[in-house]
PDB file of N, CA and C in Angstrom:
ATOM      1  N   UNK A   1    -148.611  46.589 188.458  1.00  0.00           N
ATOM      2  CA  UNK A   1    -148.976  47.167 187.167  1.00  0.00           C
ATOM      3  C   UNK A   1    -150.352  47.808 187.259  1.00  0.00           C
ATOM      4  N   UNK A   2    -150.482  48.942 186.635  1.00  0.00           N
ATOM      5  CA  UNK A   2    -151.781  49.579 186.541  1.00  0.00           C
ATOM      6  C   UNK A   2    -152.677  48.760 185.621  1.00  0.00           C
ATOM      7  N   UNK A   3    -153.909  48.574 186.029  1.00  0.00           N
ATOM      8  CA  UNK A   3    -154.855  47.812 185.215  1.00  0.00           C
ATOM      9  C   UNK A   3    -155.971  48.679 184.665  1.00  0.00           C
ATOM     10  N   UNK A   4    -156.118  49.876 185.197  1.00  0.00           N
ATOM     11  CA  UNK A   4    -157.233  50.741 184.835  1.00  0.00           C
ATOM     12  C   UNK A   4    -156.711  52.085 184.348  1.00  0.00           C
ATOM     13  N   UNK A   5    -157.438  52.690 183.416  1.00  0.00           N
ATOM     14  CA  UNK A   5    -157.019  53.972 182.864  1.00  0.00           C
ATOM     15  C   UNK A   5    -158.238  54.780 182.446  1.00  0.00           C
ATOM     16  N   UNK A   6    -157.989  56.049 182.205  1.00  0.00           N
ATOM     17  CA  UNK A   6    -158.980  56.955 181.636  1.00  0.00           C
ATOM     18  C   UNK A   6    -158.341  57.690 180.476  1.00  0.00           C
ATOM     19  N   UNK A   7    -159.135  57.945 179.455  1.00  0.00           N
ATOM     20  CA  UNK A   7    -158.706  58.761 178.330  1.00  0.00           C
ATOM     21  C   UNK A   7    -159.779  59.807 178.103  1.00  0.00           C
ATOM     22  N   UNK A   8    -159.410  61.055 178.268  1.00  0.00           N
ATOM     23  CA  UNK A   8    -160.343  62.165 178.060  1.00  0.00           C
ATOM     24  C   UNK A   8    -159.913  62.935 176.823  1.00  0.00           C
ATOM     25  N   UNK A   9    -160.869  63.204 175.945  1.00  0.00           N
ATOM     26  CA  UNK A   9    -160.611  63.977 174.728  1.00  0.00           C
ATOM     27  C   UNK A   9    -161.298  65.335 174.862  1.00  0.00           C
ATOM     28  N   UNK A  10    -160.540  66.393 174.564  1.00  0.00           N
ATOM     29  CA  UNK A  10    -161.028  67.754 174.736  1.00  0.00           C
ATOM     30  C   UNK A  10    -160.793  68.548 173.458  1.00  0.00           C
ATOM     31  N   UNK A  11    -161.818  69.263 173.003  1.00  0.00           N
ATOM     32  CA  UNK A  11    -161.654  70.147 171.854  1.00  0.00           C
ATOM     33  C   UNK A  11    -161.903  71.574 172.311  1.00  0.00           C
ATOM     34  N   UNK A  12    -160.888  72.416 172.186  1.00  0.00           N
ATOM     35  CA  UNK A  12    -160.988  73.810 172.603  1.00  0.00           C
ATOM     36  C   UNK A  12    -161.872  74.603 171.645  1.00  0.00           C
ATOM     37  N   UNK A  13    -162.610  75.531 172.212  1.00  0.00           N
ATOM     38  CA  UNK A  13    -163.350  76.474 171.384  1.00  0.00           C
ATOM     39  C   UNK A  13    -162.338  77.360 170.648  1.00  0.00           C
ATOM     40  N   UNK A  14    -162.711  77.881 169.489  1.00  0.00           N
ATOM     41  CA  UNK A  14    -161.806  78.782 168.775  1.00  0.00           C
ATOM     42  C   UNK A  14    -161.382  79.941 169.682  1.00  0.00           C
ATOM     43  N   UNK A  15    -160.084  80.186 169.725  1.00  0.00           N
ATOM     44  CA  UNK A  15    -159.543  81.255 170.544  1.00  0.00           C
ATOM     45  C   UNK A  15    -159.285  80.861 171.995  1.00  0.00           C
ATOM     46  N   UNK A  16    -159.672  79.653 172.388  1.00  0.00           N
ATOM     47  CA  UNK A  16    -159.503  79.202 173.773  1.00  0.00           C
ATOM     48  C   UNK A  16    -158.397  78.154 173.916  1.00  0.00           C
ATOM     49  N   UNK A  17    -157.654  77.926 172.850  1.00  0.00           N
ATOM     50  CA  UNK A  17    -156.624  76.893 172.867  1.00  0.00           C
ATOM     51  C   UNK A  17    -155.587  77.124 173.984  1.00  0.00           C
ATOM     52  N   UNK A  18    -155.131  78.340 174.117  1.00  0.00           N
ATOM     53  CA  UNK A  18    -154.124  78.651 175.142  1.00  0.00           C
ATOM     54  C   UNK A  18    -154.708  78.462 176.546  1.00  0.00           C
ATOM     55  N   UNK A  19    -155.980  78.808 176.707  1.00  0.00           N
ATOM     56  CA  UNK A  19    -156.635  78.646 178.004  1.00  0.00           C
ATOM     57  C   UNK A  19    -156.752  77.167 178.382  1.00  0.00           C
ATOM     58  N   UNK A  20    -157.050  76.321 177.413  1.00  0.00           N
ATOM     59  CA  UNK A  20    -157.127  74.881 177.685  1.00  0.00           C
ATOM     60  C   UNK A  20    -155.744  74.358 178.051  1.00  0.00           C
ATOM     61  N   UNK A  21    -154.738  74.766 177.294  1.00  0.00           N
ATOM     62  CA  UNK A  21    -153.365  74.347 177.607  1.00  0.00           C
ATOM     63  C   UNK A  21    -152.968  74.787 179.019  1.00  0.00           C
ATOM     64  N   UNK A  22    -153.277  76.018 179.366  1.00  0.00           N
ATOM     65  CA  UNK A  22    -152.962  76.523 180.700  1.00  0.00           C
ATOM     66  C   UNK A  22    -153.707  75.752 181.780  1.00  0.00           C
ATOM     67  N   UNK A  23    -154.971  75.450 181.517  1.00  0.00           N
ATOM     68  CA  UNK A  23    -155.751  74.671 182.479  1.00  0.00           C
ATOM     69  C   UNK A  23    -155.101  73.306 182.714  1.00  0.00           C
ATOM     70  N   UNK A  24    -154.741  72.633 181.640  1.00  0.00           N
ATOM     71  CA  UNK A  24    -154.142  71.306 181.776  1.00  0.00           C
ATOM     72  C   UNK A  24    -152.822  71.368 182.537  1.00  0.00           C
ATOM     73  N   UNK A  25    -152.003  72.349 182.243  1.00  0.00           N
ATOM     74  CA  UNK A  25    -150.742  72.495 182.975  1.00  0.00           C
ATOM     75  C   UNK A  25    -150.998  72.746 184.464  1.00  0.00           C
ATOM     76  N   UNK A  26    -152.040  73.523 184.765  1.00  0.00           N
ATOM     77  CA  UNK A  26    -152.337  73.850 186.161  1.00  0.00           C
ATOM     78  C   UNK A  26    -152.904  72.652 186.931  1.00  0.00           C
ATOM     79  N   UNK A  27    -153.372  71.643 186.230  1.00  0.00           N
ATOM     80  CA  UNK A  27    -153.949  70.461 186.887  1.00  0.00           C
ATOM     81  C   UNK A  27    -152.890  69.477 187.371  1.00  0.00           C
ATOM     82  N   UNK A  28    -151.674  69.592 186.873  1.00  0.00           N
ATOM     83  CA  UNK A  28    -150.623  68.642 187.253  1.00  0.00           C
ATOM     84  C   UNK A  28    -150.415  68.544 188.763  1.00  0.00           C
ATOM     85  N   UNK A  29    -150.324  69.660 189.499  1.00  0.00           N
ATOM     86  CA  UNK A  29    -150.149  69.533 190.950  1.00  0.00           C
ATOM     87  C   UNK A  29    -151.305  68.805 191.637  1.00  0.00           C
ATOM     88  N   UNK A  30    -152.506  68.983 191.115  1.00  0.00           N
ATOM     89  CA  UNK A  30    -153.656  68.260 191.683  1.00  0.00           C
ATOM     90  C   UNK A  30    -153.510  66.765 191.459  1.00  0.00           C
ATOM     91  N   UNK A  31    -153.056  66.376 190.281  1.00  0.00           N
ATOM     92  CA  UNK A  31    -152.858  64.950 189.988  1.00  0.00           C
ATOM     93  C   UNK A  31    -151.793  64.358 190.911  1.00  0.00           C
ATOM     94  N   UNK A  32    -150.754  65.119 191.196  1.00  0.00           N
ATOM     95  CA  UNK A  32    -149.687  64.635 192.072  1.00  0.00           C
ATOM     96  C   UNK A  32    -150.172  64.401 193.498  1.00  0.00           C
ATOM     97  N   UNK A  33    -151.243  65.058 193.885  1.00  0.00           N
ATOM     98  CA  UNK A  33    -151.797  64.910 195.233  1.00  0.00           C
ATOM     99  C   UNK A  33    -152.729  63.696 195.359  1.00  0.00           C
ATOM    100  N   UNK A  34    -153.081  63.081 194.262  1.00  0.00           N
ATOM    101  CA  UNK A  34    -153.997  61.934 194.289  1.00  0.00           C
ATOM    102  C   UNK A  34    -153.195  60.652 194.505  1.00  0.00           C
ATOM    103  N   UNK A  35    -153.310  60.034 195.665  1.00  0.00           N
ATOM    104  CA  UNK A  35    -152.504  58.841 195.940  1.00  0.00           C
ATOM    105  C   UNK A  35    -152.833  57.660 195.019  1.00  0.00           C
ATOM    106  N   UNK A  36    -154.047  57.585 194.508  1.00  0.00           N
ATOM    107  CA  UNK A  36    -154.430  56.456 193.664  1.00  0.00           C
ATOM    108  C   UNK A  36    -154.118  56.629 192.196  1.00  0.00           C
ATOM    109  N   UNK A  37    -153.731  57.835 191.794  1.00  0.00           N
ATOM    110  CA  UNK A  37    -153.380  58.082 190.396  1.00  0.00           C
ATOM    111  C   UNK A  37    -151.900  57.747 190.229  1.00  0.00           C
ATOM    112  N   UNK A  38    -151.629  56.682 189.461  1.00  0.00           N
ATOM    113  CA  UNK A  38    -150.248  56.222 189.280  1.00  0.00           C
ATOM    114  C   UNK A  38    -149.518  57.103 188.273  1.00  0.00           C
ATOM    115  N   UNK A  39    -150.127  57.329 187.122  1.00  0.00           N
ATOM    116  CA  UNK A  39    -149.527  58.165 186.081  1.00  0.00           C
ATOM    117  C   UNK A  39    -150.609  59.104 185.553  1.00  0.00           C
ATOM    118  N   UNK A  40    -150.202  60.305 185.180  1.00  0.00           N
ATOM    119  CA  UNK A  40    -151.127  61.320 184.671  1.00  0.00           C
ATOM    120  C   UNK A  40    -150.418  62.091 183.576  1.00  0.00           C
ATOM    121  N   UNK A  41    -151.043  62.164 182.416  1.00  0.00           N
ATOM    122  CA  UNK A  41    -150.472  62.877 181.270  1.00  0.00           C
ATOM    123  C   UNK A  41    -151.524  63.816 180.700  1.00  0.00           C
ATOM    124  N   UNK A  42    -151.125  65.019 180.391  1.00  0.00           N
ATOM    125  CA  UNK A  42    -151.939  65.942 179.614  1.00  0.00           C
ATOM    126  C   UNK A  42    -151.195  66.146 178.295  1.00  0.00           C
ATOM    127  N   UNK A  43    -151.931  66.158 177.196  1.00  0.00           N
ATOM    128  CA  UNK A  43    -151.265  66.231 175.897  1.00  0.00           C
ATOM    129  C   UNK A  43    -152.098  67.003 174.887  1.00  0.00           C
ATOM    130  N   UNK A  44    -151.452  67.325 173.778  1.00  0.00           N
ATOM    131  CA  UNK A  44    -152.094  68.012 172.655  1.00  0.00           C
ATOM    132  C   UNK A  44    -151.918  67.133 171.425  1.00  0.00           C
ATOM    133  N   UNK A  45    -152.983  66.971 170.662  1.00  0.00           N
ATOM    134  CA  UNK A  45    -152.899  66.166 169.443  1.00  0.00           C
ATOM    135  C   UNK A  45    -153.101  66.998 168.181  1.00  0.00           C
ATOM    136  N   UNK A  46    -153.444  68.243 168.325  1.00  0.00           N
ATOM    137  CA  UNK A  46    -153.654  69.118 167.179  1.00  0.00           C
ATOM    138  C   UNK A  46    -153.846  70.533 167.676  1.00  0.00           C
ATOM    139  N   UNK A  47    -154.065  71.475 166.766  1.00  0.00           N
ATOM    140  CA  UNK A  47    -154.185  72.879 167.161  1.00  0.00           C
ATOM    141  C   UNK A  47    -155.239  73.136 168.254  1.00  0.00           C
ATOM    142  N   UNK A  48    -156.365  72.432 168.194  1.00  0.00           N
ATOM    143  CA  UNK A  48    -157.437  72.653 169.168  1.00  0.00           C
ATOM    144  C   UNK A  48    -157.812  71.385 169.928  1.00  0.00           C
ATOM    145  N   UNK A  49    -157.055  70.317 169.716  1.00  0.00           N
ATOM    146  CA  UNK A  49    -157.388  69.022 170.339  1.00  0.00           C
ATOM    147  C   UNK A  49    -156.395  68.694 171.451  1.00  0.00           C
ATOM    148  N   UNK A  50    -156.948  68.322 172.602  1.00  0.00           N
ATOM    149  CA  UNK A  50    -156.151  68.018 173.783  1.00  0.00           C
ATOM    150  C   UNK A  50    -156.672  66.736 174.412  1.00  0.00           C
ATOM    151  N   UNK A  51    -155.921  66.225 175.370  1.00  0.00           N
ATOM    152  CA  UNK A  51    -156.387  65.040 176.061  1.00  0.00           C
ATOM    153  C   UNK A  51    -155.698  64.861 177.394  1.00  0.00           C
ATOM    154  N   UNK A  52    -156.265  63.950 178.168  1.00  0.00           N
ATOM    155  CA  UNK A  52    -155.689  63.528 179.439  1.00  0.00           C
ATOM    156  C   UNK A  52    -155.712  62.004 179.439  1.00  0.00           C
ATOM    157  N   UNK A  53    -154.592  61.403 179.825  1.00  0.00           N
ATOM    158  CA  UNK A  53    -154.504  59.956 179.981  1.00  0.00           C
ATOM    159  C   UNK A  53    -153.937  59.704 181.365  1.00  0.00           C
ATOM    160  N   UNK A  54    -154.640  58.907 182.153  1.00  0.00           N
ATOM    161  CA  UNK A  54    -154.141  58.591 183.480  1.00  0.00           C
ATOM    162  C   UNK A  54    -154.393  57.137 183.802  1.00  0.00           C
ATOM    163  N   UNK A  55    -153.572  56.606 184.721  1.00  0.00           N
ATOM    164  CA  UNK A  55    -153.649  55.184 185.054  1.00  0.00           C
ATOM    165  C   UNK A  55    -153.808  54.998 186.556  1.00  0.00           C
ATOM    166  N   UNK A  56    -154.373  53.827 186.903  1.00  0.00           N
ATOM    167  CA  UNK A  56    -154.724  53.522 188.288  1.00  0.00           C
ATOM    168  C   UNK A  56    -154.521  52.035 188.542  1.00  0.00           C
ATOM    169  N   UNK A  57    -154.197  51.686 189.782  1.00  0.00           N
ATOM    170  CA  UNK A  57    -154.006  50.281 190.136  1.00  0.00           C
ATOM    171  C   UNK A  57    -155.329  49.562 190.326  1.00  0.00           C
ATOM    172  N   UNK A  58    -156.380  50.308 190.694  1.00  0.00           N
ATOM    173  CA  UNK A  58    -157.665  49.651 190.951  1.00  0.00           C
ATOM    174  C   UNK A  58    -158.835  50.576 190.607  1.00  0.00           C
ATOM    175  N   UNK A  59    -160.011  49.982 190.574  1.00  0.00           N
ATOM    176  CA  UNK A  59    -161.213  50.726 190.217  1.00  0.00           C
ATOM    177  C   UNK A  59    -161.561  51.812 191.240  1.00  0.00           C
ATOM    178  N   UNK A  60    -161.433  51.568 192.548  1.00  0.00           N
ATOM    179  CA  UNK A  60    -161.729  52.651 193.493  1.00  0.00           C
ATOM    180  C   UNK A  60    -160.868  53.900 193.272  1.00  0.00           C
ATOM    181  N   UNK A  61    -159.614  53.724 192.906  1.00  0.00           N
ATOM    182  CA  UNK A  61    -158.741  54.872 192.629  1.00  0.00           C
ATOM    183  C   UNK A  61    -159.218  55.618 191.387  1.00  0.00           C
ATOM    184  N   UNK A  62    -159.626  54.879 190.369  1.00  0.00           N
ATOM    185  CA  UNK A  62    -160.134  55.518 189.154  1.00  0.00           C
ATOM    186  C   UNK A  62    -161.403  56.308 189.462  1.00  0.00           C
ATOM    187  N   UNK A  63    -162.296  55.719 190.229  1.00  0.00           N
ATOM    188  CA  UNK A  63    -163.541  56.402 190.584  1.00  0.00           C
ATOM    189  C   UNK A  63    -163.263  57.636 191.442  1.00  0.00           C
ATOM    190  N   UNK A  64    -162.286  57.535 192.342  1.00  0.00           N
ATOM    191  CA  UNK A  64    -161.916  58.693 193.165  1.00  0.00           C
ATOM    192  C   UNK A  64    -161.428  59.833 192.276  1.00  0.00           C
ATOM    193  N   UNK A  65    -160.654  59.495 191.256  1.00  0.00           N
ATOM    194  CA  UNK A  65    -160.162  60.515 190.333  1.00  0.00           C
ATOM    195  C   UNK A  65    -161.324  61.144 189.560  1.00  0.00           C
ATOM    196  N   UNK A  66    -162.253  60.330 189.110  1.00  0.00           N
ATOM    197  CA  UNK A  66    -163.407  60.845 188.365  1.00  0.00           C
ATOM    198  C   UNK A  66    -164.262  61.784 189.205  1.00  0.00           C
ATOM    199  N   UNK A  67    -164.188  61.648 190.510  1.00  0.00           N
ATOM    200  CA  UNK A  67    -164.943  62.508 191.419  1.00  0.00           C
ATOM    201  C   UNK A  67    -164.053  63.524 192.128  1.00  0.00           C
ATOM    202  N   UNK A  68    -162.804  63.650 191.666  1.00  0.00           N
ATOM    203  CA  UNK A  68    -161.824  64.505 192.320  1.00  0.00           C
ATOM    204  C   UNK A  68    -161.792  65.931 191.808  1.00  0.00           C
ATOM    205  N   UNK A  69    -160.789  66.638 192.263  1.00  0.00           N
ATOM    206  CA  UNK A  69    -160.666  68.072 191.990  1.00  0.00           C
ATOM    207  C   UNK A  69    -160.429  68.396 190.515  1.00  0.00           C
ATOM    208  N   UNK A  70    -159.658  67.590 189.819  1.00  0.00           N
ATOM    209  CA  UNK A  70    -159.411  67.862 188.396  1.00  0.00           C
ATOM    210  C   UNK A  70    -160.704  67.739 187.608  1.00  0.00           C
ATOM    211  N   UNK A  71    -161.445  66.677 187.851  1.00  0.00           N
ATOM    212  CA  UNK A  71    -162.711  66.474 187.139  1.00  0.00           C
ATOM    213  C   UNK A  71    -163.691  67.601 187.444  1.00  0.00           C
ATOM    214  N   UNK A  72    -163.775  68.003 188.697  1.00  0.00           N
ATOM    215  CA  UNK A  72    -164.677  69.095 189.075  1.00  0.00           C
ATOM    216  C   UNK A  72    -164.290  70.386 188.366  1.00  0.00           C
ATOM    217  N   UNK A  73    -163.002  70.695 188.352  1.00  0.00           N
ATOM    218  CA  UNK A  73    -162.532  71.912 187.695  1.00  0.00           C
ATOM    219  C   UNK A  73    -162.765  71.858 186.191  1.00  0.00           C
ATOM    220  N   UNK A  74    -162.515  70.699 185.594  1.00  0.00           N
ATOM    221  CA  UNK A  74    -162.720  70.550 184.155  1.00  0.00           C
ATOM    222  C   UNK A  74    -164.184  70.735 183.786  1.00  0.00           C
ATOM    223  N   UNK A  75    -165.069  70.139 184.531  1.00  0.00           N
ATOM    224  CA  UNK A  75    -166.497  70.276 184.226  1.00  0.00           C
ATOM    225  C   UNK A  75    -166.972  71.714 184.450  1.00  0.00           C
ATOM    226  N   UNK A  76    -166.412  72.384 185.452  1.00  0.00           N
ATOM    227  CA  UNK A  76    -166.786  73.773 185.710  1.00  0.00           C
ATOM    228  C   UNK A  76    -166.347  74.698 184.579  1.00  0.00           C
ATOM    229  N   UNK A  77    -165.245  74.372 183.925  1.00  0.00           N
ATOM    230  CA  UNK A  77    -164.700  75.210 182.853  1.00  0.00           C
ATOM    231  C   UNK A  77    -165.109  74.751 181.457  1.00  0.00           C
ATOM    232  N   UNK A  78    -165.725  73.580 181.349  1.00  0.00           N
ATOM    233  CA  UNK A  78    -165.949  72.992 180.027  1.00  0.00           C
ATOM    234  C   UNK A  78    -166.823  73.868 179.133  1.00  0.00           C
ATOM    235  N   UNK A  79    -167.869  74.464 179.652  1.00  0.00           N
ATOM    236  CA  UNK A  79    -168.738  75.289 178.807  1.00  0.00           C
ATOM    237  C   UNK A  79    -168.002  76.519 178.277  1.00  0.00           C
ATOM    238  N   UNK A  80    -167.132  77.078 179.100  1.00  0.00           N
ATOM    239  CA  UNK A  80    -166.371  78.265 178.711  1.00  0.00           C
ATOM    240  C   UNK A  80    -165.270  77.938 177.704  1.00  0.00           C
ATOM    241  N   UNK A  81    -164.587  76.789 177.885  1.00  0.00           N
ATOM    242  CA  UNK A  81    -163.382  76.500 177.118  1.00  0.00           C
ATOM    243  C   UNK A  81    -163.549  75.507 175.971  1.00  0.00           C
ATOM    244  N   UNK A  82    -164.535  74.614 176.077  1.00  0.00           N
ATOM    245  CA  UNK A  82    -164.598  73.480 175.154  1.00  0.00           C
ATOM    246  C   UNK A  82    -165.801  73.529 174.223  1.00  0.00           C
ATOM    247  N   UNK A  83    -165.634  72.945 173.050  1.00  0.00           N
ATOM    248  CA  UNK A  83    -166.704  72.860 172.069  1.00  0.00           C
ATOM    249  C   UNK A  83    -167.859  72.015 172.612  1.00  0.00           C
ATOM    250  N   UNK A  84    -167.505  70.928 173.315  1.00  0.00           N
ATOM    251  CA  UNK A  84    -168.517  70.047 173.895  1.00  0.00           C
ATOM    252  C   UNK A  84    -167.970  69.437 175.180  1.00  0.00           C
ATOM    253  N   UNK A  85    -168.840  68.808 175.933  1.00  0.00           N
ATOM    254  CA  UNK A  85    -168.431  68.137 177.160  1.00  0.00           C
ATOM    255  C   UNK A  85    -167.331  67.131 176.827  1.00  0.00           C
ATOM    256  N   UNK A  86    -166.298  67.038 177.663  1.00  0.00           N
ATOM    257  CA  UNK A  86    -165.207  66.101 177.371  1.00  0.00           C
ATOM    258  C   UNK A  86    -165.710  64.667 177.197  1.00  0.00           C
ATOM    259  N   UNK A  87    -165.130  63.981 176.234  1.00  0.00           N
ATOM    260  CA  UNK A  87    -165.398  62.551 176.034  1.00  0.00           C
ATOM    261  C   UNK A  87    -164.435  61.806 176.948  1.00  0.00           C
ATOM    262  N   UNK A  88    -164.965  61.035 177.900  1.00  0.00           N
ATOM    263  CA  UNK A  88    -164.123  60.310 178.841  1.00  0.00           C
ATOM    264  C   UNK A  88    -164.392  58.823 178.699  1.00  0.00           C
ATOM    265  N   UNK A  89    -163.349  58.080 178.362  1.00  0.00           N
ATOM    266  CA  UNK A  89    -163.465  56.635 178.182  1.00  0.00           C
ATOM    267  C   UNK A  89    -162.705  55.917 179.287  1.00  0.00           C
ATOM    268  N   UNK A  90    -163.336  54.894 179.840  1.00  0.00           N
ATOM    269  CA  UNK A  90    -162.672  54.024 180.810  1.00  0.00           C
ATOM    270  C   UNK A  90    -161.975  52.919 180.032  1.00  0.00           C
ATOM    271  N   UNK A  91    -160.690  52.722 180.308  1.00  0.00           N
ATOM    272  CA  UNK A  91    -159.885  51.739 179.600  1.00  0.00           C
ATOM    273  C   UNK A  91    -159.397  50.663 180.560  1.00  0.00           C
ATOM    274  N   UNK A  92    -159.212  49.476 180.027  1.00  0.00           N
ATOM    275  CA  UNK A  92    -158.566  48.388 180.758  1.00  0.00           C
ATOM    276  C   UNK A  92    -157.217  48.148 180.108  1.00  0.00           C
ATOM    277  N   UNK A  93    -156.153  48.245 180.889  1.00  0.00           N
ATOM    278  CA  UNK A  93    -154.810  48.054 180.345  1.00  0.00           C
ATOM    279  C   UNK A  93    -154.523  46.552 180.269  1.00  0.00           C
ATOM    280  N   UNK A  94    -154.215  46.086 179.087  1.00  0.00           N
ATOM    281  CA  UNK A  94    -153.948  44.655 178.864  1.00  0.00           C
ATOM    282  C   UNK A  94    -152.465  44.319 178.962  1.00  0.00           C
ATOM    283  N   UNK A  95    -151.610  45.245 178.572  1.00  0.00           N
ATOM    284  CA  UNK A  95    -150.168  45.003 178.606  1.00  0.00           C
ATOM    285  C   UNK A  95    -149.461  46.350 178.631  1.00  0.00           C
ATOM    286  N   UNK A  96    -148.250  46.367 179.161  1.00  0.00           N
ATOM    287  CA  UNK A  96    -147.474  47.592 179.185  1.00  0.00           C
ATOM    288  C   UNK A  96    -145.985  47.254 179.237  1.00  0.00           C
ATOM    289  N   UNK A  97    -145.171  48.252 178.937  1.00  0.00           N
ATOM    290  CA  UNK A  97    -143.721  48.112 179.013  1.00  0.00           C
ATOM    291  C   UNK A  97    -143.200  49.225 179.906  1.00  0.00           C
ATOM    292  N   UNK A  98    -142.335  48.890 180.820  1.00  0.00           N
ATOM    293  CA  UNK A  98    -141.719  49.883 181.681  1.00  0.00           C
ATOM    294  C   UNK A  98    -140.229  49.911 181.414  1.00  0.00           C
ATOM    295  N   UNK A  99    -139.678  51.121 181.579  1.00  0.00           N
ATOM    296  CA  UNK A  99    -138.233  51.293 181.457  1.00  0.00           C
ATOM    297  C   UNK A  99    -137.739  50.861 180.164  1.00  0.00           C
TER     298      UNK A  99
END
């Protein structure tokens, strides 16, 4: 079971909503290449609000993801696409249901 997770909240600048959506879709192949990332989700919660939720079996995998290609690309694009720097919270998974 994954015990560690990240939740990133992103607010697109006006007119940049499609660009944020495209960026998130383009990050999926990078997430698939990360051996320590168990699950990775990009989602939209409103017209300009987006997020990323991902899970990890251990802390080293989570830290590797935080220093990986998706994080680097997101930070490089954040000033252009986002209202503010992404809010990233480290989560501890207490329980889950599979299947």
